[in-house]
Amino acid sequence: MTSTNPAPDRTDQMPTLPTGLAERLVAWRRDFHKHAETGWTEFRTTSAIIGVLRDLGWDTKFGPDLHDADSRLGVPSAEVLAGERERAVAQGADPLLVEAMGEGFTGVLGVLETGRPGPVVCFRFDIDSNNLVELADDSHRPFAEGFASVNDGAMHGCGHDGHAAIGLGLATALSEHQDELTGTVKIIFQPAEEGVRGAHSIVAAGWFDDVDLFVATHLKSDDAKGNIVTGSDGYLASTKFDVTFTGIGSHAGGDPEKGKNALLAAASATLVLHAIPRHSGGASRINVGTFNAGEGRNVVPRKAVIRVETRGQDSEINDFMFGRAQDVIAGAARMYDVQSELSVVGRADREDPSPELLPYVRESFTGVPGVAEIRDSSGVGGSEDATAMMKRVKERGGLATYVQIGMGTTAGHHTERFDVDEDMLALGVLAELRVALGAAEFLGGLGQ
């Protein structure tokens, strides 16, 4: 995907960021990093974001109002959520806001209404952390400088702390440039991106039905510092699912014939899942990531749980892989005379950026201090639930893209050494401020 039109130089139209914003970006990012929260438990993070947005005069939508409850995927148990709410309040979250988020209805939509006719422009920033133990070593900057995660098993190992900070910085800058805007600006601070879980319920609630221009953003460790991808493409469709096999326990020595072995069913399923033929129509993937079973060496296992994902170059290929996986699981359960229960806990479609939007995004990044090379395609191979938002916007006639900002950092995503190059935070704010400020003129030129 390559833009055919050269990007004009807009350096003479470069807006300015509010005084002291660069320092606030770093402070926000480090605060979120220190108080990392995994998907659907981002109570403190959501509370902090709401506080900043309200101080800026933005309208906020959060809690059950933000989500279609029946469309949420991979939500932790009520017991886990109750403990996470208590933890968040102890770490400074507003207890009234946490109470309003209820059973994990985290995330927030900020809305800035200008009162003047114009387009609806929307930006998305994810806010959840990884299930990861952060490196406790002075060679790791967050640990050495005192902002490593204080929450065991939760670490911002993918840059979402930086994304949340960019989102707040963009809201701050837009507030100061409000007189130059028309229409409406929305900023989605999305929960539960890891596991591709959190976007679907926000889309189903209708918050993207009026969006004319949509930009999702991600910091990228394995691209050179300042390199920009205006239209990340190649995201794989994916289905994440858990399978529980339930049999009958018995004494493995005394009466093994009375047992029904759930572990063997899960083991058989695991082997055959990896033997599913790959699809000739494009890239296809399957992986059994975890396997837990049994209670003791002398007990026929009565329960086994596997956690699995399929992926495909497009949704059709992914559906093929998932359909075959369901057949394998049902067959393994029948073979060992046990029960199986499959639960979908995450999903993502393939959705490529709108090609007619990319020259404008390129133009918006051109001339921003710190920007190096600008490309229009990345060919990434992971999966992203922002594609659900992109798909909805495009279905309604709008334009959508996914931007990546290179950091050139040494540690890869989802690793215990991951860190953010904080110079890229202000760069992201300034470029996307330009996207918002010029959106009405750009869309008008396209006849939209």
Foldseek 3Di string as FASTA:
>chain_A
DFFPDAFDAPLVVFDDADPPLLVVLVVQLLQLQQAAAAFLLCQLVQQVLVVLLVVLVWDKDWAPLQFDVVQFFQQDDQVVNVVSLVVSVVVPGDNVSSVSNPRSRGWMKTKDALVADFAEEEEEAERHFAQDAADCDCVFPCNVVPRHYPDGRTGRQFCSSLRSSLLSSLSNRCSVVSVLFHGMYMYIHWGNFVQAGTPRGSVVSPPLLRHFEYEYEGEFQPDAAQEKALFEAQAWWKWKKKKKWFKAKDFQPPCVVPTQARLQLVVQLQVVLQVDDADPVFDKDKDFDDKDWDDDPGMRIGMIMIIMMIITSFPVRSVVSVVVSVVSSVVSCVVRVIDMDMGTRHIAGGDTFDNLCRSVLVNLLPPQPRHDHYGHYDSDYHHTNCRVSQVSNVVSPHGYHYMYGYRNHDDGGPDSSHDGPSVCSVSSSSSVSSCRSCVRVSVVVVVD
